């Protein structure tokens, strides 16, 4: 998390239009324990439930605070699901897996094959 953002998984452009693809942005403030926990929790959840069907962009608002306005960020860490529509937000360190799955509209046990 040293720069503006980092993309964790690359998905082909044609997959981006597929309703099974998730584009996620995680807004954090530096490398605090909450920020690091949110990144680790999100990676774990995505690998378990969305393997190969997601991108994660981590945005450090200490580096680029102007990006907070675009997604109306008022608390940190905040996860924003940009795809599939509609846009959704989850605030916190994402430690409650069930809450994150519900917030992202992912059913526990959902198939991870595209």
N, C-alpha and C. Protein backbone atom coordinates (compact mmCIF):
# COMPACT_ATOMS: atom_id res chain seq x y z
N UNK A 1 0.82 -1.19 0.00
CA UNK A 1 0.00 0.00 0.00
C UNK A 1 0.86 1.25 0.00
N UNK A 2 1.92 1.25 -0.75
CA UNK A 2 2.78 2.40 -0.75
C UNK A 2 2.35 3.48 -1.72
N UNK A 3 1.63 3.12 -2.76
CA UNK A 3 1.21 4.10 -3.75
C UNK A 3 -0.27 4.38 -3.67
N UNK A 4 -0.77 4.99 -4.72
CA UNK A 4 -2.19 5.34 -4.80
C UNK A 4 -3.05 4.10 -4.70
N UNK A 5 -2.70 3.10 -5.48
CA UNK A 5 -3.55 1.92 -5.51
C UNK A 5 -2.76 0.74 -6.02
N UNK A 6 -3.31 -0.43 -5.82
CA UNK A 6 -2.72 -1.63 -6.39
C UNK A 6 -3.84 -2.56 -6.80
N UNK A 7 -3.68 -3.16 -7.96
CA UNK A 7 -4.68 -4.09 -8.44
C UNK A 7 -4.20 -5.49 -8.13
N UNK A 8 -5.04 -6.29 -7.51
CA UNK A 8 -4.66 -7.61 -7.06
C UNK A 8 -4.81 -8.69 -8.12
N UNK A 9 -5.88 -8.66 -8.87
CA UNK A 9 -6.15 -9.70 -9.85
C UNK A 9 -6.61 -9.05 -11.14
N UNK A 10 -6.00 -9.44 -12.24
CA UNK A 10 -6.40 -8.90 -13.54
C UNK A 10 -7.42 -9.84 -14.17
N UNK A 11 -8.50 -9.28 -14.70
CA UNK A 11 -9.54 -10.05 -15.35
C UNK A 11 -9.68 -9.51 -16.77
N UNK A 12 -9.77 -10.38 -17.79
CA UNK A 12 -9.92 -9.91 -19.15
C UNK A 12 -11.12 -8.98 -19.31
N UNK A 13 -11.04 -8.05 -20.27
CA UNK A 13 -12.10 -7.06 -20.47
C UNK A 13 -13.44 -7.71 -20.73
N UNK A 14 -13.46 -8.82 -21.47
CA UNK A 14 -14.74 -9.47 -21.74
C UNK A 14 -15.38 -10.02 -20.47
N UNK A 15 -14.58 -10.37 -19.50
CA UNK A 15 -15.12 -10.87 -18.23
C UNK A 15 -15.75 -9.74 -17.42
N UNK A 16 -15.26 -8.51 -17.63
CA UNK A 16 -15.77 -7.38 -16.87
C UNK A 16 -17.24 -7.14 -17.14
N UNK A 17 -17.71 -7.50 -18.32
CA UNK A 17 -19.13 -7.30 -18.63
C UNK A 17 -19.98 -8.45 -18.12
N UNK A 18 -19.36 -9.52 -17.67
CA UNK A 18 -20.07 -10.67 -17.12
C UNK A 18 -20.60 -10.33 -15.74
N UNK A 19 -21.84 -10.70 -15.44
CA UNK A 19 -22.44 -10.36 -14.16
C UNK A 19 -21.76 -11.07 -12.99
N UNK A 20 -20.92 -12.07 -13.25
CA UNK A 20 -20.23 -12.78 -12.18
C UNK A 20 -18.92 -12.14 -11.79
N UNK A 21 -18.56 -11.03 -12.40
CA UNK A 21 -17.29 -10.35 -12.16
C UNK A 21 -17.48 -9.24 -11.13
N UNK A 22 -16.54 -9.13 -10.20
CA UNK A 22 -16.61 -8.13 -9.14
C UNK A 22 -15.44 -7.17 -9.24
N UNK A 23 -15.72 -5.88 -9.32
CA UNK A 23 -14.72 -4.83 -9.29
C UNK A 23 -14.84 -4.15 -7.94
N UNK A 24 -13.82 -4.27 -7.11
CA UNK A 24 -13.87 -3.79 -5.74
C UNK A 24 -12.79 -2.75 -5.49
N UNK A 25 -13.15 -1.71 -4.76
CA UNK A 25 -12.19 -0.70 -4.31
C UNK A 25 -12.22 -0.66 -2.80
N UNK A 26 -11.03 -0.73 -2.21
CA UNK A 26 -10.92 -0.65 -0.76
C UNK A 26 -10.17 0.64 -0.42
N UNK A 27 -10.87 1.53 0.27
CA UNK A 27 -10.27 2.80 0.69
C UNK A 27 -9.72 2.63 2.11
N UNK A 28 -8.45 3.00 2.29
CA UNK A 28 -7.79 2.87 3.59
C UNK A 28 -7.03 4.17 3.88
N UNK A 29 -6.53 4.29 5.11
CA UNK A 29 -5.71 5.44 5.51
C UNK A 29 -4.38 4.93 6.04
N UNK A 30 -3.41 4.79 5.17
CA UNK A 30 -2.09 4.34 5.57
C UNK A 30 -2.07 2.85 5.91
N UNK A 31 -1.08 2.47 6.67
CA UNK A 31 -0.92 1.06 7.02
C UNK A 31 -1.25 0.82 8.49
N UNK A 32 -2.42 1.27 8.89
CA UNK A 32 -2.87 1.04 10.25
C UNK A 32 -3.29 -0.42 10.41
N UNK A 33 -3.49 -0.84 11.63
CA UNK A 33 -3.90 -2.23 11.86
C UNK A 33 -5.27 -2.50 11.22
N UNK A 34 -6.18 -1.54 11.26
CA UNK A 34 -7.49 -1.72 10.62
C UNK A 34 -7.36 -1.82 9.11
N UNK A 35 -6.51 -0.99 8.53
CA UNK A 35 -6.32 -1.02 7.08
C UNK A 35 -5.71 -2.35 6.64
N UNK A 36 -4.67 -2.79 7.33
CA UNK A 36 -4.03 -4.06 6.98
C UNK A 36 -4.97 -5.23 7.17
N UNK A 37 -5.77 -5.20 8.24
CA UNK A 37 -6.75 -6.27 8.47
C UNK A 37 -7.80 -6.29 7.37
N UNK A 38 -8.26 -5.12 6.95
CA UNK A 38 -9.27 -5.04 5.89
C UNK A 38 -8.73 -5.62 4.58
N UNK A 39 -7.49 -5.30 4.23
CA UNK A 39 -6.89 -5.82 3.00
C UNK A 39 -6.78 -7.35 3.08
N UNK A 40 -6.26 -7.85 4.19
CA UNK A 40 -6.09 -9.30 4.34
C UNK A 40 -7.44 -10.01 4.34
N UNK A 41 -8.42 -9.48 5.04
CA UNK A 41 -9.75 -10.10 5.09
C UNK A 41 -10.39 -10.11 3.71
N UNK A 42 -10.27 -9.00 2.98
CA UNK A 42 -10.88 -8.93 1.65
C UNK A 42 -10.22 -9.93 0.70
N UNK A 43 -8.92 -10.03 0.72
CA UNK A 43 -8.22 -11.00 -0.14
C UNK A 43 -8.68 -12.42 0.16
N UNK A 44 -8.79 -12.74 1.44
CA UNK A 44 -9.21 -14.08 1.84
C UNK A 44 -10.63 -14.38 1.36
N UNK A 45 -11.54 -13.46 1.57
CA UNK A 45 -12.93 -13.64 1.17
C UNK A 45 -13.03 -13.80 -0.35
N UNK A 46 -12.32 -12.95 -1.07
CA UNK A 46 -12.38 -13.03 -2.54
C UNK A 46 -11.81 -14.34 -3.06
N UNK A 47 -10.71 -14.79 -2.51
CA UNK A 47 -10.13 -16.06 -2.96
C UNK A 47 -11.05 -17.24 -2.65
N UNK A 48 -11.73 -17.19 -1.52
CA UNK A 48 -12.63 -18.29 -1.14
C UNK A 48 -13.92 -18.30 -1.94
N UNK A 49 -14.43 -17.12 -2.30
CA UNK A 49 -15.77 -17.04 -2.90
C UNK A 49 -15.82 -16.50 -4.31
N UNK A 50 -14.74 -15.84 -4.78
CA UNK A 50 -14.77 -15.22 -6.11
C UNK A 50 -13.52 -15.52 -6.93
N UNK A 51 -12.85 -16.59 -6.65
CA UNK A 51 -11.57 -16.90 -7.30
C UNK A 51 -11.63 -16.67 -8.81
N UNK A 52 -10.74 -15.80 -9.30
CA UNK A 52 -10.65 -15.53 -10.72
C UNK A 52 -11.71 -14.60 -11.28
N UNK A 53 -12.59 -14.07 -10.42
CA UNK A 53 -13.69 -13.24 -10.90
C UNK A 53 -13.71 -11.88 -10.22
N UNK A 54 -12.57 -11.35 -9.87
CA UNK A 54 -12.57 -10.08 -9.15
C UNK A 54 -11.28 -9.30 -9.39
N UNK A 55 -11.36 -8.00 -9.17
CA UNK A 55 -10.19 -7.14 -9.04
C UNK A 55 -10.36 -6.36 -7.75
N UNK A 56 -9.25 -6.12 -7.10
CA UNK A 56 -9.24 -5.29 -5.89
C UNK A 56 -8.30 -4.13 -6.17
N UNK A 57 -8.79 -2.94 -5.94
CA UNK A 57 -7.96 -1.74 -6.03
C UNK A 57 -7.92 -1.15 -4.63
N UNK A 58 -6.73 -1.07 -4.06
CA UNK A 58 -6.56 -0.51 -2.72
C UNK A 58 -6.14 0.95 -2.89
N UNK A 59 -6.91 1.86 -2.32
CA UNK A 59 -6.63 3.28 -2.44
C UNK A 59 -6.32 3.85 -1.06
N UNK A 60 -5.11 4.35 -0.93
CA UNK A 60 -4.65 4.95 0.33
C UNK A 60 -4.97 6.44 0.29
N UNK A 61 -5.92 6.86 1.10
CA UNK A 61 -6.35 8.25 1.08
C UNK A 61 -5.35 9.20 1.73
N UNK A 62 -4.33 8.67 2.39
CA UNK A 62 -3.26 9.54 2.87
C UNK A 62 -2.40 10.00 1.70
N UNK A 63 -2.37 9.20 0.63
CA UNK A 63 -1.59 9.52 -0.56
C UNK A 63 -2.43 10.33 -1.55
N UNK A 64 -3.68 9.92 -1.75
CA UNK A 64 -4.55 10.58 -2.73
C UNK A 64 -5.92 10.86 -2.11
N UNK A 65 -6.02 11.85 -1.23
CA UNK A 65 -7.28 12.13 -0.54
C UNK A 65 -8.40 12.59 -1.47
N UNK A 66 -8.06 13.16 -2.61
CA UNK A 66 -9.08 13.65 -3.54
C UNK A 66 -9.94 12.52 -4.09
N UNK A 67 -9.49 11.28 -4.04
CA UNK A 67 -10.27 10.16 -4.56
C UNK A 67 -11.46 9.80 -3.67
N UNK A 68 -11.49 10.30 -2.44
CA UNK A 68 -12.58 9.98 -1.52
C UNK A 68 -13.91 10.56 -2.00
N UNK A 69 -13.89 11.69 -2.64
CA UNK A 69 -15.12 12.35 -3.07
C UNK A 69 -15.87 11.54 -4.13
N UNK A 70 -15.14 10.90 -5.04
CA UNK A 70 -15.76 10.17 -6.13
C UNK A 70 -16.70 9.07 -5.68
N UNK A 71 -16.33 8.36 -4.63
CA UNK A 71 -17.18 7.28 -4.11
C UNK A 71 -17.84 7.66 -2.79
N UNK A 72 -17.83 8.95 -2.46
CA UNK A 72 -18.49 9.48 -1.26
C UNK A 72 -18.04 8.73 0.01
N UNK A 73 -16.74 8.68 0.24
CA UNK A 73 -16.16 7.98 1.38
C UNK A 73 -16.21 8.90 2.60
N UNK A 74 -16.82 8.41 3.69
CA UNK A 74 -16.93 9.21 4.91
C UNK A 74 -16.29 8.51 6.11
N UNK A 75 -15.93 7.23 5.97
CA UNK A 75 -15.30 6.49 7.05
C UNK A 75 -14.30 5.51 6.42
N UNK A 76 -13.30 5.10 7.22
CA UNK A 76 -12.28 4.19 6.71
C UNK A 76 -12.06 3.04 7.67
N UNK A 77 -11.70 1.87 7.20
CA UNK A 77 -11.68 1.47 5.79
C UNK A 77 -13.10 1.29 5.25
N UNK A 78 -13.25 1.54 3.94
CA UNK A 78 -14.53 1.35 3.25
C UNK A 78 -14.29 0.55 1.98
N UNK A 79 -15.09 -0.48 1.79
CA UNK A 79 -15.06 -1.28 0.57
C UNK A 79 -16.20 -0.82 -0.32
N UNK A 80 -15.90 -0.57 -1.59
CA UNK A 80 -16.92 -0.17 -2.56
C UNK A 80 -16.97 -1.22 -3.65
N UNK A 81 -18.16 -1.79 -3.85
CA UNK A 81 -18.36 -2.71 -4.96
C UNK A 81 -18.85 -1.89 -6.14
N UNK A 82 -18.01 -1.78 -7.18
CA UNK A 82 -18.35 -0.99 -8.36
C UNK A 82 -19.06 -1.85 -9.41
N UNK A 83 -18.68 -3.09 -9.52
CA UNK A 83 -19.35 -4.06 -10.41
C UNK A 83 -19.59 -5.32 -9.61
N UNK A 84 -20.65 -6.04 -9.82
CA UNK A 84 -21.80 -5.70 -10.66
C UNK A 84 -22.65 -4.63 -9.99
N UNK A 85 -23.41 -3.88 -10.82
CA UNK A 85 -24.30 -2.86 -10.25
C UNK A 85 -25.36 -3.50 -9.37
N UNK A 86 -25.91 -2.79 -8.43
CA UNK A 86 -25.65 -1.40 -8.09
C UNK A 86 -24.42 -1.26 -7.21
N UNK A 87 -23.91 -0.04 -7.11
CA UNK A 87 -22.78 0.27 -6.26
C UNK A 87 -23.15 -0.01 -4.81
N UNK A 88 -22.25 -0.64 -4.07
CA UNK A 88 -22.49 -0.93 -2.64
C UNK A 88 -21.26 -0.56 -1.84
N UNK A 89 -21.47 -0.22 -0.56
CA UNK A 89 -20.37 0.13 0.35
C UNK A 89 -20.46 -0.69 1.63
N UNK A 90 -19.30 -1.08 2.13
CA UNK A 90 -19.21 -1.77 3.42
C UNK A 90 -18.10 -1.07 4.20
N UNK A 91 -18.42 -0.65 5.41
CA UNK A 91 -17.45 0.06 6.25
C UNK A 91 -16.94 -0.88 7.33
N UNK A 92 -15.63 -0.85 7.57
CA UNK A 92 -15.03 -1.64 8.64
C UNK A 92 -13.87 -2.48 8.14
N UNK A 93 -13.34 -3.32 9.04
CA UNK A 93 -12.16 -4.10 8.69
C UNK A 93 -12.49 -5.41 7.99
N UNK A 94 -13.75 -5.64 7.69
CA UNK A 94 -14.22 -6.80 6.91
C UNK A 94 -13.95 -8.13 7.60
N UNK A 95 -13.89 -8.12 8.92
CA UNK A 95 -13.62 -9.35 9.66
C UNK A 95 -14.85 -10.26 9.77
N UNK A 96 -16.04 -9.70 9.62
CA UNK A 96 -17.27 -10.49 9.68
C UNK A 96 -17.58 -10.98 8.26
N UNK A 97 -17.11 -12.17 7.94
CA UNK A 97 -17.23 -12.72 6.59
C UNK A 97 -18.67 -12.76 6.12
N UNK A 98 -19.59 -13.19 6.97
CA UNK A 98 -20.99 -13.29 6.58
C UNK A 98 -21.56 -11.91 6.21
N UNK A 99 -21.21 -10.90 6.98
CA UNK A 99 -21.67 -9.54 6.70
C UNK A 99 -21.13 -9.05 5.36
N UNK A 100 -19.87 -9.36 5.07
CA UNK A 100 -19.26 -8.95 3.80
C UNK A 100 -19.94 -9.67 2.64
N UNK A 101 -20.18 -10.97 2.79
CA UNK A 101 -20.84 -11.73 1.73
C UNK A 101 -22.23 -11.18 1.44
N UNK A 102 -22.98 -10.87 2.50
CA UNK A 102 -24.32 -10.30 2.32
C UNK A 102 -24.21 -8.92 1.67
N UNK A 103 -23.26 -8.11 2.12
CA UNK A 103 -23.09 -6.78 1.57
C UNK A 103 -22.69 -6.77 0.11
N UNK A 104 -21.97 -7.80 -0.31
CA UNK A 104 -21.56 -7.91 -1.72
C UNK A 104 -22.53 -8.74 -2.55
N UNK A 105 -23.59 -9.22 -1.93
CA UNK A 105 -24.57 -10.10 -2.60
C UNK A 105 -23.93 -11.38 -3.11
N UNK A 106 -23.10 -11.98 -2.26
CA UNK A 106 -22.48 -13.27 -2.58
C UNK A 106 -23.06 -14.28 -1.61
N UNK A 107 -23.58 -15.36 -2.14
CA UNK A 107 -24.10 -16.41 -1.27
C UNK A 107 -22.96 -17.30 -0.81
N UNK A 108 -22.91 -17.59 0.48
CA UNK A 108 -21.89 -18.51 0.99
C UNK A 108 -22.04 -19.83 0.27
N UNK A 109 -20.95 -20.37 -0.20
CA UNK A 109 -21.01 -21.62 -0.95
C UNK A 109 -21.27 -21.44 -2.43
N UNK A 110 -21.36 -20.17 -2.88
CA UNK A 110 -21.56 -19.90 -4.30
C UNK A 110 -20.39 -20.46 -5.10
N UNK A 111 -20.67 -21.00 -6.23
CA UNK A 111 -19.66 -21.61 -7.06
C UNK A 111 -18.59 -20.58 -7.42
N UNK A 112 -17.32 -20.99 -7.41
CA UNK A 112 -16.25 -20.08 -7.74
C UNK A 112 -15.81 -20.22 -9.20
N UNK A 113 -16.49 -21.03 -9.98
CA UNK A 113 -16.12 -21.15 -11.38
C UNK A 113 -16.85 -20.09 -12.18
N UNK A 114 -16.14 -19.45 -13.12
CA UNK A 114 -16.76 -18.38 -13.89
C UNK A 114 -17.86 -18.86 -14.81
